[in-house]
N, C-alpha and C. Protein backbone atom coordinates (compact mmCIF):
# COMPACT_ATOMS: atom_id res chain seq x y z
N MET A 1 22.73 156.06 -44.13
CA MET A 1 21.84 155.07 -43.57
C MET A 1 22.40 153.67 -43.75
N LYS A 2 23.17 153.46 -44.81
CA LYS A 2 23.71 152.13 -45.05
C LYS A 2 24.86 151.82 -44.08
N LYS A 3 25.62 152.78 -43.68
CA LYS A 3 26.76 152.54 -42.80
C LYS A 3 26.33 152.03 -41.43
N PRO A 4 25.32 152.61 -40.76
CA PRO A 4 24.91 152.06 -39.47
C PRO A 4 24.38 150.64 -39.58
N LEU A 5 23.66 150.35 -40.66
CA LEU A 5 23.14 149.01 -40.85
C LEU A 5 24.26 148.02 -41.09
N MET A 6 25.24 148.41 -41.88
CA MET A 6 26.39 147.53 -42.13
C MET A 6 27.19 147.31 -40.85
N ALA A 7 27.33 148.33 -40.05
CA ALA A 7 28.05 148.20 -38.78
C ALA A 7 27.31 147.25 -37.84
N LEU A 8 26.01 147.34 -37.83
CA LEU A 8 25.21 146.45 -36.99
C LEU A 8 25.34 145.00 -37.44
N VAL A 9 25.27 144.77 -38.74
CA VAL A 9 25.43 143.42 -39.28
C VAL A 9 26.82 142.88 -38.97
N ALA A 10 27.83 143.72 -39.14
CA ALA A 10 29.20 143.28 -38.88
C ALA A 10 29.40 142.95 -37.41
N ALA A 11 28.84 143.77 -36.51
CA ALA A 11 28.96 143.51 -35.07
C ALA A 11 28.22 142.24 -34.69
N THR A 12 27.06 142.03 -35.26
CA THR A 12 26.29 140.82 -34.97
C THR A 12 27.03 139.58 -35.44
N LEU A 13 27.59 139.60 -36.60
CA LEU A 13 28.34 138.47 -37.12
C LEU A 13 29.59 138.23 -36.30
N ALA A 14 30.27 139.29 -35.90
CA ALA A 14 31.49 139.14 -35.11
C ALA A 14 31.17 138.54 -33.74
N PHE A 15 30.11 139.03 -33.12
CA PHE A 15 29.74 138.50 -31.82
C PHE A 15 29.30 137.04 -31.91
N GLY A 16 28.56 136.73 -32.94
CA GLY A 16 28.09 135.36 -33.14
C GLY A 16 29.23 134.39 -33.34
N ALA A 17 30.33 134.87 -33.91
CA ALA A 17 31.48 134.00 -34.18
C ALA A 17 32.21 133.64 -32.90
N VAL A 18 32.20 134.53 -31.88
CA VAL A 18 32.94 134.25 -30.66
C VAL A 18 32.04 133.88 -29.49
N ALA A 19 30.76 134.07 -29.63
CA ALA A 19 29.84 133.75 -28.53
C ALA A 19 29.76 132.24 -28.36
N PRO A 20 29.80 131.77 -27.13
CA PRO A 20 29.69 130.33 -26.91
C PRO A 20 28.30 129.83 -27.27
N ALA A 21 28.25 128.65 -27.81
CA ALA A 21 26.97 128.04 -28.16
C ALA A 21 26.55 127.16 -26.98
N PHE A 22 25.34 127.35 -26.51
CA PHE A 22 24.82 126.54 -25.42
C PHE A 22 23.93 125.44 -25.99
N ALA A 23 24.22 124.25 -25.59
CA ALA A 23 23.39 123.12 -26.00
C ALA A 23 22.40 122.84 -24.87
N ARG A 24 21.21 122.54 -25.22
CA ARG A 24 20.19 122.21 -24.23
C ARG A 24 19.78 120.77 -24.43
N HIS A 25 19.59 120.10 -23.33
CA HIS A 25 19.05 118.75 -23.42
C HIS A 25 18.07 118.56 -22.27
N GLN A 26 17.20 117.62 -22.46
CA GLN A 26 16.15 117.38 -21.49
C GLN A 26 16.56 116.25 -20.56
N VAL A 27 16.36 116.46 -19.27
CA VAL A 27 16.65 115.45 -18.26
C VAL A 27 15.33 115.03 -17.65
N CYS A 28 15.09 113.74 -17.64
CA CYS A 28 13.82 113.21 -17.09
C CYS A 28 14.11 112.23 -15.97
N GLU A 29 13.21 112.15 -15.01
CA GLU A 29 13.33 111.17 -13.94
C GLU A 29 11.94 110.70 -13.55
N ASP A 30 11.88 109.45 -13.10
CA ASP A 30 10.63 108.90 -12.62
C ASP A 30 10.54 109.14 -11.12
N VAL A 31 9.44 109.74 -10.68
CA VAL A 31 9.24 110.08 -9.27
C VAL A 31 7.97 109.38 -8.81
N GLU A 32 8.11 108.64 -7.69
CA GLU A 32 6.93 107.96 -7.13
C GLU A 32 6.21 108.92 -6.19
N THR A 33 4.91 109.05 -6.39
CA THR A 33 4.10 109.90 -5.53
C THR A 33 3.11 109.04 -4.79
N LYS A 34 2.72 109.51 -3.61
CA LYS A 34 1.80 108.75 -2.78
C LYS A 34 0.60 109.64 -2.46
N GLN A 35 -0.60 109.10 -2.64
CA GLN A 35 -1.82 109.81 -2.29
C GLN A 35 -2.50 109.04 -1.17
N ILE A 36 -2.63 109.69 -0.04
CA ILE A 36 -3.31 109.07 1.11
C ILE A 36 -4.81 109.11 0.83
N ASN A 37 -5.45 107.96 0.90
CA ASN A 37 -6.89 107.86 0.65
C ASN A 37 -7.64 107.88 1.98
N SER A 38 -7.46 108.96 2.72
CA SER A 38 -8.07 109.08 4.04
C SER A 38 -8.50 110.52 4.27
N LYS A 39 -9.55 110.69 5.02
CA LYS A 39 -9.99 112.03 5.39
C LYS A 39 -9.20 112.56 6.61
N ASP A 40 -8.49 111.67 7.28
CA ASP A 40 -7.75 112.03 8.50
C ASP A 40 -6.25 112.00 8.20
N ASN A 41 -5.77 112.93 7.40
CA ASN A 41 -4.35 112.95 7.01
C ASN A 41 -3.43 113.23 8.19
N ASN A 42 -3.92 113.87 9.22
CA ASN A 42 -3.08 114.17 10.39
C ASN A 42 -3.08 113.04 11.41
N ARG A 43 -3.81 111.99 11.13
CA ARG A 43 -3.88 110.80 11.98
C ARG A 43 -4.34 111.12 13.42
N LEU A 44 -5.33 112.01 13.51
CA LEU A 44 -5.85 112.42 14.82
C LEU A 44 -6.62 111.29 15.50
N ILE A 45 -7.32 110.49 14.71
CA ILE A 45 -8.11 109.41 15.31
C ILE A 45 -7.20 108.39 15.96
N GLY A 46 -6.17 107.96 15.22
CA GLY A 46 -5.24 106.97 15.79
C GLY A 46 -4.53 107.51 17.01
N THR A 47 -4.13 108.79 16.96
CA THR A 47 -3.44 109.40 18.10
C THR A 47 -4.37 109.47 19.30
N GLY A 48 -5.61 109.90 19.07
CA GLY A 48 -6.56 110.02 20.18
C GLY A 48 -6.92 108.69 20.81
N VAL A 49 -7.22 107.70 19.98
CA VAL A 49 -7.57 106.38 20.51
C VAL A 49 -6.37 105.78 21.27
N GLY A 50 -5.18 105.93 20.70
CA GLY A 50 -3.99 105.41 21.37
C GLY A 50 -3.72 106.12 22.70
N ALA A 51 -3.94 107.43 22.75
CA ALA A 51 -3.72 108.17 23.98
C ALA A 51 -4.70 107.76 25.08
N VAL A 52 -5.95 107.58 24.70
CA VAL A 52 -6.96 107.15 25.69
C VAL A 52 -6.62 105.75 26.20
N ALA A 53 -6.31 104.84 25.28
CA ALA A 53 -5.98 103.47 25.70
C ALA A 53 -4.72 103.45 26.56
N GLY A 54 -3.72 104.20 26.16
CA GLY A 54 -2.49 104.25 26.95
C GLY A 54 -2.71 104.88 28.32
N GLY A 55 -3.53 105.93 28.37
CA GLY A 55 -3.84 106.54 29.66
C GLY A 55 -4.58 105.60 30.58
N LEU A 56 -5.53 104.83 30.04
CA LEU A 56 -6.26 103.85 30.85
C LEU A 56 -5.36 102.75 31.38
N LEU A 57 -4.45 102.29 30.50
CA LEU A 57 -3.51 101.25 30.96
C LEU A 57 -2.53 101.83 32.00
N GLY A 58 -2.04 103.03 31.75
CA GLY A 58 -1.11 103.65 32.70
C GLY A 58 -1.78 103.92 34.05
N ASN A 59 -3.06 104.17 34.06
CA ASN A 59 -3.79 104.44 35.30
C ASN A 59 -3.90 103.20 36.18
N GLN A 60 -3.70 102.03 35.59
CA GLN A 60 -3.78 100.78 36.34
C GLN A 60 -2.50 100.49 37.10
N VAL A 61 -1.47 101.27 36.84
CA VAL A 61 -0.16 101.02 37.41
C VAL A 61 0.11 102.02 38.54
N GLY A 62 0.77 101.59 39.57
CA GLY A 62 1.25 102.49 40.61
C GLY A 62 0.16 103.03 41.52
N GLY A 63 0.57 103.93 42.39
CA GLY A 63 -0.35 104.56 43.32
C GLY A 63 0.12 105.98 43.61
N GLY A 64 -0.79 106.86 44.02
CA GLY A 64 -0.43 108.23 44.39
C GLY A 64 0.06 109.02 43.18
N LYS A 65 1.20 109.72 43.40
CA LYS A 65 1.77 110.51 42.31
C LYS A 65 2.32 109.63 41.18
N GLY A 66 2.76 108.45 41.52
CA GLY A 66 3.25 107.51 40.51
C GLY A 66 2.12 107.10 39.56
N LYS A 67 0.92 107.02 40.09
CA LYS A 67 -0.23 106.68 39.25
C LYS A 67 -0.50 107.79 38.23
N THR A 68 -0.39 109.04 38.69
CA THR A 68 -0.58 110.17 37.78
C THR A 68 0.48 110.19 36.70
N LEU A 69 1.73 109.98 37.08
CA LEU A 69 2.81 109.94 36.08
C LEU A 69 2.63 108.78 35.11
N ALA A 70 2.21 107.63 35.62
CA ALA A 70 1.99 106.48 34.74
C ALA A 70 0.82 106.76 33.78
N THR A 71 -0.21 107.45 34.23
CA THR A 71 -1.33 107.77 33.36
C THR A 71 -0.89 108.72 32.25
N VAL A 72 -0.17 109.76 32.61
CA VAL A 72 0.32 110.72 31.62
C VAL A 72 1.29 110.05 30.66
N GLY A 73 2.23 109.28 31.19
CA GLY A 73 3.20 108.58 30.35
C GLY A 73 2.53 107.60 29.42
N GLY A 74 1.53 106.90 29.94
CA GLY A 74 0.77 105.94 29.10
C GLY A 74 0.02 106.65 28.00
N ALA A 75 -0.55 107.81 28.30
CA ALA A 75 -1.28 108.56 27.29
C ALA A 75 -0.35 109.05 26.19
N VAL A 76 0.82 109.55 26.56
CA VAL A 76 1.78 110.03 25.57
C VAL A 76 2.27 108.86 24.70
N ALA A 77 2.68 107.78 25.34
CA ALA A 77 3.18 106.62 24.60
C ALA A 77 2.07 106.03 23.72
N GLY A 78 0.86 105.94 24.27
CA GLY A 78 -0.26 105.41 23.49
C GLY A 78 -0.58 106.28 22.30
N GLY A 79 -0.48 107.60 22.46
CA GLY A 79 -0.71 108.52 21.33
C GLY A 79 0.30 108.31 20.21
N VAL A 80 1.55 108.14 20.59
CA VAL A 80 2.60 107.90 19.58
C VAL A 80 2.37 106.57 18.86
N VAL A 81 2.09 105.53 19.62
CA VAL A 81 1.83 104.22 19.03
C VAL A 81 0.59 104.25 18.12
N GLY A 82 -0.49 104.87 18.61
CA GLY A 82 -1.71 104.95 17.81
C GLY A 82 -1.50 105.71 16.52
N ASN A 83 -0.71 106.78 16.56
CA ASN A 83 -0.38 107.55 15.37
C ASN A 83 0.35 106.70 14.36
N GLN A 84 1.34 105.92 14.81
CA GLN A 84 2.11 105.07 13.91
C GLN A 84 1.29 103.91 13.34
N VAL A 85 0.39 103.37 14.15
CA VAL A 85 -0.48 102.31 13.66
C VAL A 85 -1.36 102.83 12.54
N GLN A 86 -1.93 104.01 12.72
CA GLN A 86 -2.77 104.59 11.68
C GLN A 86 -1.94 104.93 10.46
N LYS A 87 -0.72 105.44 10.64
CA LYS A 87 0.16 105.75 9.51
C LYS A 87 0.44 104.51 8.68
N ASN A 88 0.76 103.41 9.34
CA ASN A 88 1.03 102.16 8.62
C ASN A 88 -0.19 101.69 7.84
N HIS A 89 -1.35 101.83 8.46
CA HIS A 89 -2.61 101.43 7.79
C HIS A 89 -2.86 102.31 6.56
N GLN A 90 -2.64 103.62 6.70
CA GLN A 90 -2.85 104.53 5.58
C GLN A 90 -1.85 104.27 4.46
N ASP A 91 -0.59 103.97 4.82
CA ASP A 91 0.42 103.69 3.79
C ASP A 91 0.07 102.44 2.98
N LYS A 92 -0.48 101.44 3.65
CA LYS A 92 -0.87 100.20 2.93
C LYS A 92 -2.03 100.45 1.99
N ASN A 93 -2.91 101.37 2.34
CA ASN A 93 -4.10 101.64 1.53
C ASN A 93 -3.94 102.87 0.62
N ALA A 94 -2.74 103.41 0.54
CA ALA A 94 -2.50 104.60 -0.28
C ALA A 94 -2.41 104.21 -1.75
N THR A 95 -2.59 105.19 -2.60
CA THR A 95 -2.44 105.00 -4.05
C THR A 95 -1.06 105.50 -4.43
N TYR A 96 -0.26 104.64 -5.00
CA TYR A 96 1.08 105.02 -5.43
C TYR A 96 1.08 105.15 -6.95
N ARG A 97 1.74 106.22 -7.41
CA ARG A 97 1.76 106.49 -8.87
C ARG A 97 3.16 106.96 -9.21
N THR A 98 3.66 106.50 -10.35
CA THR A 98 4.96 106.96 -10.84
C THR A 98 4.72 108.01 -11.91
N GLU A 99 5.32 109.19 -11.69
CA GLU A 99 5.20 110.29 -12.64
C GLU A 99 6.56 110.55 -13.29
N ARG A 100 6.55 110.86 -14.55
CA ARG A 100 7.79 111.21 -15.26
C ARG A 100 7.87 112.72 -15.27
N ARG A 101 8.93 113.26 -14.66
CA ARG A 101 9.14 114.70 -14.58
C ARG A 101 10.39 115.07 -15.38
N CYS A 102 10.25 116.04 -16.27
CA CYS A 102 11.35 116.43 -17.15
C CYS A 102 11.61 117.93 -17.01
N HIS A 103 12.86 118.31 -17.22
CA HIS A 103 13.23 119.71 -17.28
C HIS A 103 14.42 119.88 -18.22
N TRP A 104 14.61 121.09 -18.69
CA TRP A 104 15.69 121.39 -19.64
C TRP A 104 16.92 121.84 -18.88
N VAL A 105 18.07 121.40 -19.38
CA VAL A 105 19.36 121.75 -18.77
C VAL A 105 20.26 122.28 -19.86
N GLU A 106 20.95 123.39 -19.57
CA GLU A 106 21.94 123.91 -20.53
C GLU A 106 23.32 123.39 -20.18
N ASP A 107 24.06 122.99 -21.19
CA ASP A 107 25.43 122.51 -20.98
C ASP A 107 26.38 123.65 -20.88
């Protein structure tokens, strides 16, 4: 019974002597997070209002098929502009917070 135990101790000591030692250290970084303080995170209101306004303005231009194209083009452009206007407004009113995030790294 003593021989297997001695062999196990000897093998453990031998392996420990040649096994590489890994050092661990912690790496941390500050990450800025943004919380939108709005119920309309998809900016549907800004997109819709912009599309309607753009469509109305586009409808005032041209005649015949050109009027239809101007209306559609105005609605698309107005939707994009309205979306960006609402995005800028939400970004100004957002809550920004800096969080410290850490993780362990082995050398």
